[in-house]
Amino acid sequence: MRFALFPALLSLLSIWLGSAQAYEIEAQRRFGAKHPAATLKVLSTTDTALLAPLLESFLAAHPQVAVDYYELGSADLMQAVIAEHEGFDLAISSAMDLQIKLANDGYTRAHRSGWSESMPDWANWRDHVFGFSQEPATIILSPGAFEGLDLPQTRQDLITLLRRHPERFASRIGTYDAATSGLGYLFATQDARASDGFWRLMEIFGGLDLRLYCCSGAMIEDVARGDLAVAYNVLKLCRGARRPR
């Protein structure tokens, strides 16, 4: 398979489907040769600018290849794979659970090579899905919003502060929209399993007019501008990146 040497972020799978489009592609860019011997078609939830250096590095080593890079959300990526039957070589998504579901449901091809065999066990799901990085989910706080208060060190600290100062934090808390973001849904389900205080915190967020977002970069930017006091469960990203989601 051509994708053997393709460097990817988060998770990867190969798919072989084709026909009409009923999902939203947010950006598309061609990389590489104008008249290539082969063209890789890549679906991805990762911002084009974030992966561009990796793509250019790959193409420098494979000058006869071009890459058509399509940027879209994780829900649209799932629709493209399952329902719309578009022909793509790779699908890169931050929603790891959805990637594994695609593999388990038969939408992927197995790939074995020296690269796949050298990967740690956690990064290889039955030679169908591959993990290429690990990014922590974190809580980002605006120091200015907490001026005069002790910065919370735990979820319980945050719960206590929000209850005591609702007027300060109303409409200034953001998190993923789990209804539209596959990564946001994954974070919410895992957080609920890992933390006894998750639903208590969500109840408080709801009472403070929680703001829902598509992606980590947008939340990070709003914290930096002072529009948000708290960005909850975001990926630690490069500045300005608007993916993954």
Protein backbone atom coordinates (compact mmCIF):
# COMPACT_ATOMS: atom_id res chain seq x y z
CA MET A 1 0.00 0.00 0.00
CA ARG A 2 1.20 3.54 -0.81
CA PHE A 3 0.47 4.84 2.68
CA ALA A 4 3.20 2.78 4.36
CA LEU A 5 5.59 5.72 4.83
CA PHE A 6 3.00 8.45 5.36
CA PRO A 7 3.57 10.25 8.69
CA ALA A 8 0.35 10.92 10.56
CA LEU A 9 -0.98 12.55 13.71
CA LEU A 10 -3.15 10.73 16.25
CA SER A 11 -4.71 7.82 14.37
CA LEU A 12 -4.71 6.50 10.85
CA LEU A 13 -6.58 4.02 8.72
CA SER A 14 -6.86 3.19 5.04
CA ILE A 15 -10.27 3.15 3.38
CA TRP A 16 -11.47 2.21 -0.05
CA LEU A 17 -14.88 3.68 -0.86
CA GLY A 18 -16.45 5.96 -3.62
CA SER A 19 -19.55 8.29 -4.72
CA ALA A 20 -21.66 11.41 -3.84
CA GLN A 21 -20.71 13.95 -1.18
CA ALA A 22 -23.12 15.00 1.62
CA TYR A 23 -20.68 16.18 4.26
CA GLU A 24 -18.79 19.41 4.82
CA ILE A 25 -15.17 19.70 3.77
CA GLU A 26 -13.83 22.78 5.53
CA ALA A 27 -10.57 23.12 3.58
CA GLN A 28 -8.72 21.35 0.79
CA ARG A 29 -5.12 21.71 -0.38
CA ARG A 30 -2.87 19.97 -2.86
CA PHE A 31 0.73 19.24 -1.85
CA GLY A 32 3.51 17.94 -4.08
CA ALA A 33 4.14 17.37 -7.75
CA LYS A 34 1.90 18.95 -10.42
CA HIS A 35 2.01 15.78 -12.53
CA PRO A 36 2.58 13.03 -9.94
CA ALA A 37 2.99 9.35 -10.56
CA ALA A 38 0.61 8.77 -7.64
CA THR A 39 -1.71 10.93 -5.54
CA LEU A 40 -2.66 10.20 -1.94
CA LYS A 41 -6.12 11.39 -0.91
CA VAL A 42 -6.21 12.13 2.82
CA LEU A 43 -9.20 12.89 5.06
CA SER A 44 -8.18 14.57 8.30
CA THR A 45 -9.57 16.39 11.31
CA THR A 46 -6.20 18.08 11.86
CA ASP A 47 -5.64 21.66 10.75
CA THR A 48 -3.77 21.79 7.44
CA ALA A 49 -1.17 24.23 8.77
CA LEU A 50 -0.39 21.91 11.67
CA LEU A 51 0.39 18.92 9.43
CA ALA A 52 1.93 20.83 6.50
CA PRO A 53 5.55 20.39 7.74
CA LEU A 54 5.03 16.62 8.02
CA LEU A 55 3.48 16.43 4.57
CA GLU A 56 6.28 18.48 3.03
CA SER A 57 8.90 16.30 4.74
CA PHE A 58 7.24 13.17 3.35
CA LEU A 59 7.02 14.64 -0.15
CA ALA A 60 10.66 15.71 -0.09
CA ALA A 61 11.53 12.03 0.23
CA HIS A 62 8.89 11.03 -2.37
CA PRO A 63 8.96 13.75 -5.04
CA GLN A 64 6.92 11.66 -7.48
CA VAL A 65 3.91 11.69 -5.12
CA ALA A 66 1.24 14.34 -4.46
CA VAL A 67 -1.15 14.64 -1.52
CA ASP A 68 -4.72 15.93 -1.72
CA TYR A 69 -5.49 16.93 1.87
CA TYR A 70 -9.13 17.38 2.96
CA GLU A 71 -9.85 18.98 6.34
CA LEU A 72 -13.16 18.23 8.07
CA GLY A 73 -14.72 17.40 11.44
CA SER A 74 -14.74 13.93 12.95
CA ALA A 75 -18.50 13.45 12.44
CA ASP A 76 -18.18 14.39 8.78
CA LEU A 77 -15.19 12.07 8.46
CA MET A 78 -17.30 9.19 9.75
CA GLN A 79 -20.05 10.06 7.27
CA ALA A 80 -17.55 10.20 4.41
CA VAL A 81 -16.24 6.75 5.27
CA ILE A 82 -19.50 4.97 6.04
CA ALA A 83 -22.21 6.69 4.02
CA GLU A 84 -20.72 8.68 1.18
CA HIS A 85 -18.31 6.10 -0.22
CA GLU A 86 -15.61 8.54 -1.26
CA GLY A 87 -12.30 7.06 -2.37
CA PHE A 88 -9.56 8.03 0.08
CA ASP A 89 -6.25 6.44 0.99
CA LEU A 90 -6.02 7.63 4.60
CA ALA A 91 -8.34 8.92 7.29
CA ILE A 92 -6.72 10.77 10.20
CA SER A 93 -8.91 11.55 13.19
CA SER A 94 -8.55 12.58 16.81
CA ALA A 95 -11.66 10.52 17.67
CA MET A 96 -9.82 7.30 18.41
CA ASP A 97 -12.94 5.37 19.42
CA LEU A 98 -14.57 6.11 16.07
CA GLN A 99 -11.45 5.06 14.20
CA ILE A 100 -11.42 1.71 15.97
CA LYS A 101 -15.14 1.27 15.29
CA LEU A 102 -14.50 1.82 11.59
CA ALA A 103 -11.81 -0.87 11.67
CA ASN A 104 -13.97 -3.31 13.64
CA ASP A 105 -16.89 -2.73 11.26
CA GLY A 106 -14.80 -3.64 8.22
CA TYR A 107 -14.07 -0.25 6.65
CA THR A 108 -10.27 -0.57 6.71
CA ARG A 109 -7.50 -2.60 5.13
CA ALA A 110 -4.72 -4.20 7.14
CA HIS A 111 -1.22 -2.84 6.70
CA ARG A 112 1.98 -4.56 7.75
CA SER A 113 5.50 -3.26 7.24
CA GLY A 114 8.70 -2.67 9.11
CA TRP A 115 7.20 0.60 10.33
CA SER A 116 4.08 -1.01 11.74
CA GLU A 117 6.03 -3.86 13.32
CA SER A 118 8.29 -1.41 15.15
CA MET A 119 5.37 0.45 16.77
CA PRO A 120 4.49 -0.17 20.44
CA ASP A 121 1.44 -2.31 21.17
CA TRP A 122 -0.67 0.67 22.26
CA ALA A 123 -0.19 2.33 18.86
CA ASN A 124 -1.34 -0.57 16.67
CA TRP A 125 -4.89 -1.89 16.59
CA ARG A 126 -4.81 -5.21 14.70
CA ASP A 127 -2.73 -3.67 11.90
CA HIS A 128 -5.69 -1.51 10.88
CA VAL A 129 -5.48 1.62 13.07
CA PHE A 130 -2.24 3.30 14.09
CA GLY A 131 -1.56 5.92 16.74
CA PHE A 132 1.23 8.38 16.00
CA SER A 133 1.15 10.77 18.94
CA GLN A 134 -0.26 11.34 22.39
CA GLU A 135 -1.70 14.71 23.40
CA PRO A 136 -2.95 15.35 26.94
CA ALA A 137 -6.46 16.63 27.54
CA THR A 138 -6.17 19.54 29.91
CA ILE A 139 -7.98 22.45 31.55
CA ILE A 140 -6.79 25.93 30.57
CA LEU A 141 -7.39 28.84 32.94
CA SER A 142 -7.12 32.56 32.31
CA PRO A 143 -5.06 34.06 35.20
CA GLY A 144 -6.81 37.41 34.77
CA ALA A 145 -10.22 35.82 35.30
CA PHE A 146 -9.05 34.41 38.63
CA GLU A 147 -7.43 37.60 39.89
CA GLY A 148 -7.74 37.76 43.66
CA LEU A 149 -8.62 34.05 43.85
CA ASP A 150 -6.48 30.99 44.34
CA LEU A 151 -6.11 29.10 41.07
CA PRO A 152 -7.90 25.75 41.38
CA GLN A 153 -5.64 22.71 41.54
CA THR A 154 -8.36 20.04 41.40
CA ARG A 155 -11.86 19.63 39.99
CA GLN A 156 -13.25 20.08 43.47
CA ASP A 157 -11.39 23.39 43.79
CA LEU A 158 -12.92 24.50 40.50
CA ILE A 159 -16.41 23.42 41.58
CA THR A 160 -16.05 25.39 44.81
CA LEU A 161 -14.86 28.55 43.04
CA LEU A 162 -17.63 28.44 40.43
CA ARG A 163 -20.29 28.02 43.11
CA ARG A 164 -18.95 30.95 45.13
CA HIS A 165 -18.47 33.34 42.19
CA PRO A 166 -21.09 32.56 39.52
CA GLU A 167 -21.31 36.18 38.37
CA ARG A 168 -17.60 36.20 37.50
CA PHE A 169 -17.69 33.05 35.39
CA ALA A 170 -21.12 33.20 33.69
CA SER A 171 -20.76 32.68 29.91
CA ARG A 172 -16.99 32.40 30.32
CA ILE A 173 -16.55 28.61 30.37
CA GLY A 174 -16.01 26.60 27.20
CA THR A 175 -15.75 22.95 26.25
CA TYR A 176 -16.30 20.69 23.26
CA ASP A 177 -19.78 20.23 21.83
CA ALA A 178 -20.10 16.48 22.34
CA ALA A 179 -23.09 16.36 19.96
CA THR A 180 -20.97 17.35 16.96
CA SER A 181 -17.36 16.64 17.96
CA GLY A 182 -16.23 13.02 18.04
CA LEU A 183 -13.23 13.96 20.17
CA GLY A 184 -15.46 15.94 22.54
CA TYR A 185 -17.74 12.93 22.95
CA LEU A 186 -14.75 10.68 23.62
CA PHE A 187 -13.41 13.07 26.27
CA ALA A 188 -16.81 13.36 27.96
CA THR A 189 -17.40 9.62 28.16
CA GLN A 190 -13.92 8.88 29.48
CA ASP A 191 -14.07 11.78 31.93
CA ALA A 192 -17.40 10.50 33.28
CA ARG A 193 -15.83 7.08 33.83
CA ALA A 194 -12.68 8.41 35.49
CA SER A 195 -14.06 11.19 37.71
CA ASP A 196 -16.78 11.03 40.32
CA GLY A 197 -17.18 14.80 40.07
CA PHE A 198 -17.70 15.03 36.32
CA TRP A 199 -21.50 15.31 36.32
CA ARG A 200 -21.48 17.70 39.26
CA LEU A 201 -19.12 19.91 37.31
CA MET A 202 -21.28 19.65 34.16
CA GLU A 203 -24.34 20.67 36.19
CA ILE A 204 -22.52 23.79 37.37
CA PHE A 205 -21.26 24.54 33.85
CA GLY A 206 -24.81 24.32 32.53
CA GLY A 207 -26.03 26.79 35.11
CA LEU A 208 -23.31 29.23 34.05
CA ASP A 209 -24.34 29.26 30.38
CA LEU A 210 -21.62 26.94 29.11
CA ARG A 211 -20.23 27.80 25.65
CA LEU A 212 -19.76 24.88 23.25
CA TYR A 213 -16.97 24.68 20.69
CA CYS A 214 -15.91 22.62 17.72
CA CYS A 215 -12.23 22.47 18.45
CA SER A 216 -9.41 23.08 20.90
CA GLY A 217 -7.74 25.90 19.00
CA ALA A 218 -10.86 28.07 19.11
CA MET A 219 -11.13 27.63 22.89
CA ILE A 220 -7.44 28.36 23.42
CA GLU A 221 -7.72 31.53 21.35
CA ASP A 222 -10.72 32.72 23.37
CA VAL A 223 -8.89 32.14 26.65
CA ALA A 224 -5.93 34.12 25.30
CA ARG A 225 -8.27 36.99 24.33
CA GLY A 226 -9.93 36.94 27.74
CA ASP A 227 -13.33 35.87 26.38
CA LEU A 228 -13.13 32.60 28.33
CA ALA A 229 -12.01 32.09 31.89
CA VAL A 230 -11.92 28.28 31.63
CA ALA A 231 -11.46 25.94 28.66
CA TYR A 232 -12.31 22.43 29.82
CA ASN A 233 -10.95 19.23 28.26
CA VAL A 234 -8.94 20.70 25.42
CA LEU A 235 -5.95 19.27 23.62
CA LYS A 236 -2.58 20.86 24.20
CA LEU A 237 -1.95 22.30 20.72
CA CYS A 238 0.41 24.57 18.89
CA ARG A 239 -0.71 28.20 19.02
CA GLY A 240 -3.24 29.03 16.32
CA ALA A 241 -4.12 25.42 15.48
CA ARG A 242 -7.84 24.82 15.07
CA ARG A 243 -7.70 21.03 15.02
CA PRO A 244 -8.05 18.28 16.01
CA ARG A 245 -11.68 18.05 16.97
